[in-house]
N, C-alpha and C. Protein backbone atom coordinates (compact mmCIF):
# COMPACT_ATOMS: atom_id res chain seq x y z
N MET A 1 79.41 117.53 93.76
CA MET A 1 80.27 116.27 93.86
C MET A 1 79.47 115.07 94.14
N ALA A 2 80.14 113.87 93.70
CA ALA A 2 79.39 112.75 94.07
C ALA A 2 79.90 112.27 95.42
N LYS A 3 79.18 111.47 95.96
CA LYS A 3 79.29 110.83 97.17
C LYS A 3 80.42 109.68 97.34
N ASP A 4 81.19 109.53 97.92
CA ASP A 4 81.90 108.50 97.91
C ASP A 4 81.69 107.09 98.17
N ALA A 5 81.44 106.04 97.84
CA ALA A 5 80.70 104.89 98.00
C ALA A 5 81.75 103.81 98.82
N ARG A 6 83.11 104.18 98.66
CA ARG A 6 84.14 103.39 99.34
C ARG A 6 84.38 103.80 100.71
N VAL A 7 84.51 102.57 101.62
CA VAL A 7 84.85 102.86 102.79
C VAL A 7 86.01 101.60 103.54
N ILE A 8 86.81 102.33 104.10
CA ILE A 8 87.85 101.56 104.88
C ILE A 8 87.58 100.32 105.94
N VAL A 9 87.76 99.28 105.54
CA VAL A 9 87.18 98.09 106.61
C VAL A 9 88.52 97.32 107.32
N THR A 10 88.29 96.84 108.38
CA THR A 10 89.60 96.10 108.91
C THR A 10 89.25 94.76 108.92
N LEU A 11 90.08 93.92 108.63
CA LEU A 11 90.00 92.48 108.64
C LEU A 11 90.48 91.66 109.81
N GLU A 12 89.83 90.92 110.40
CA GLU A 12 90.51 90.05 111.62
C GLU A 12 90.47 88.67 111.23
N CYS A 13 91.57 88.08 111.93
CA CYS A 13 92.03 86.56 111.62
C CYS A 13 91.07 85.84 112.65
N GLU A 14 90.16 84.88 111.79
CA GLU A 14 89.11 84.15 112.60
C GLU A 14 89.93 83.07 113.68
N VAL A 15 90.89 82.57 113.67
CA VAL A 15 92.01 81.77 114.46
C VAL A 15 92.13 82.66 115.59
N CYS A 16 93.12 83.51 115.44
CA CYS A 16 93.72 84.20 116.62
C CYS A 16 93.08 85.68 117.15
N LYS A 17 92.25 85.95 116.21
CA LYS A 17 91.32 87.31 116.39
C LYS A 17 92.60 88.81 116.17
N SER A 18 93.52 88.77 115.48
CA SER A 18 94.41 89.71 115.45
C SER A 18 93.84 90.46 114.23
N ARG A 19 93.84 91.74 114.38
CA ARG A 19 93.49 92.73 113.20
C ARG A 19 94.63 92.87 112.11
N ASN A 20 94.69 92.28 111.12
CA ASN A 20 96.13 92.26 110.12
C ASN A 20 95.79 93.21 109.33
N TYR A 21 94.66 93.46 108.59
CA TYR A 21 94.68 93.85 107.06
C TYR A 21 93.60 94.97 107.21
N GLN A 22 94.04 96.04 106.19
CA GLN A 22 93.04 97.10 105.92
C GLN A 22 92.71 97.02 104.66
N THR A 23 91.34 97.29 104.32
CA THR A 23 91.29 97.25 102.94
C THR A 23 89.95 98.19 102.43
N GLU A 24 89.76 98.44 101.15
CA GLU A 24 88.43 99.20 100.93
C GLU A 24 87.23 98.45 100.12
N LYS A 25 86.02 98.80 100.38
CA LYS A 25 85.17 98.10 99.74
C LYS A 25 83.98 98.93 99.25
N ASN A 26 83.41 98.73 98.38
CA ASN A 26 82.21 99.62 97.69
C ASN A 26 80.90 99.08 98.37
N THR A 27 80.31 100.26 99.18
CA THR A 27 79.06 99.79 99.91
C THR A 27 78.00 99.80 99.03
N LYS A 28 78.07 100.36 97.98
CA LYS A 28 76.89 100.41 96.94
C LYS A 28 76.58 98.81 96.28
N LEU A 29 77.82 98.19 96.02
CA LEU A 29 77.82 96.99 95.56
C LEU A 29 77.71 95.91 96.25
N GLN A 30 78.42 96.15 97.57
CA GLN A 30 78.41 94.94 98.45
C GLN A 30 77.92 95.48 99.76
N LYS A 31 76.71 94.63 100.23
CA LYS A 31 76.22 94.98 101.41
C LYS A 31 76.66 94.20 102.48
N GLU A 32 76.83 93.04 102.13
CA GLU A 32 77.46 92.01 103.35
C GLU A 32 78.67 92.03 103.79
N ARG A 33 79.09 91.46 104.76
CA ARG A 33 80.26 91.50 105.43
C ARG A 33 81.35 90.89 104.38
N LEU A 34 82.46 91.28 104.26
CA LEU A 34 83.60 91.04 103.65
C LEU A 34 84.62 89.77 104.13
N SER A 35 84.85 88.86 103.48
CA SER A 35 85.58 87.71 103.98
C SER A 35 86.39 87.04 102.99
N LEU A 36 87.76 87.29 103.49
CA LEU A 36 88.91 86.95 102.37
C LEU A 36 89.86 85.87 102.95
N LYS A 37 90.50 85.12 102.36
CA LYS A 37 91.43 84.09 102.86
C LYS A 37 92.89 84.86 102.57
N LYS A 38 93.46 85.09 103.81
CA LYS A 38 94.72 85.79 103.72
C LYS A 38 95.65 85.27 104.79
N TYR A 39 96.94 85.52 104.54
CA TYR A 39 97.86 85.14 105.33
C TYR A 39 98.02 85.87 106.58
N CYS A 40 97.87 85.06 107.91
CA CYS A 40 98.20 85.74 109.07
C CYS A 40 99.60 85.47 109.72
N LYS A 41 100.18 86.48 110.03
CA LYS A 41 101.67 86.52 110.68
C LYS A 41 101.75 85.95 111.85
N LYS A 42 100.94 85.94 112.74
CA LYS A 42 100.73 85.31 114.00
C LYS A 42 100.65 83.83 114.10
N CYS A 43 99.71 83.40 113.23
CA CYS A 43 99.51 81.94 112.86
C CYS A 43 100.33 81.08 112.07
N LYS A 44 100.98 82.20 111.29
CA LYS A 44 101.90 81.57 110.13
C LYS A 44 101.33 80.77 109.17
N LYS A 45 99.96 80.91 108.67
CA LYS A 45 99.24 80.00 107.93
C LYS A 45 98.43 80.86 107.09
N ASN A 46 97.65 80.51 106.10
CA ASN A 46 96.57 81.01 105.59
C ASN A 46 95.25 80.81 106.19
N THR A 47 94.43 82.01 106.66
CA THR A 47 93.32 81.78 107.54
C THR A 47 92.22 82.78 106.89
N LEU A 48 91.06 82.50 107.25
CA LEU A 48 89.94 83.36 106.76
C LEU A 48 90.01 84.37 107.71
N HIS A 49 89.92 85.71 107.18
CA HIS A 49 89.82 86.80 107.70
C HIS A 49 88.51 87.60 107.27
N LYS A 50 87.72 87.79 108.44
CA LYS A 50 86.28 88.58 108.33
C LYS A 50 86.57 90.04 108.52
N GLU A 51 85.46 90.88 108.09
CA GLU A 51 85.50 92.05 108.37
C GLU A 51 84.70 92.35 109.96
N THR A 52 85.51 93.43 110.34
CA THR A 52 84.87 93.87 111.70
C THR A 52 84.16 95.30 111.49
N LYS A 53 83.79 95.50 112.82
CA LYS A 53 82.70 96.75 112.74
C LYS A 53 83.66 97.94 112.94
């Protein structure tokens, strides 16, 4: 069987520090931390969400 390179990561809002989203990333292709612009329910606006440990 092949090893699975996909890992579930949690995204945290940079403004209010709430952890709103979970997504998958391929560790073989992307070594650095993931950062996406997503909608935060707590801030009620689009903010930058970064991967947490």
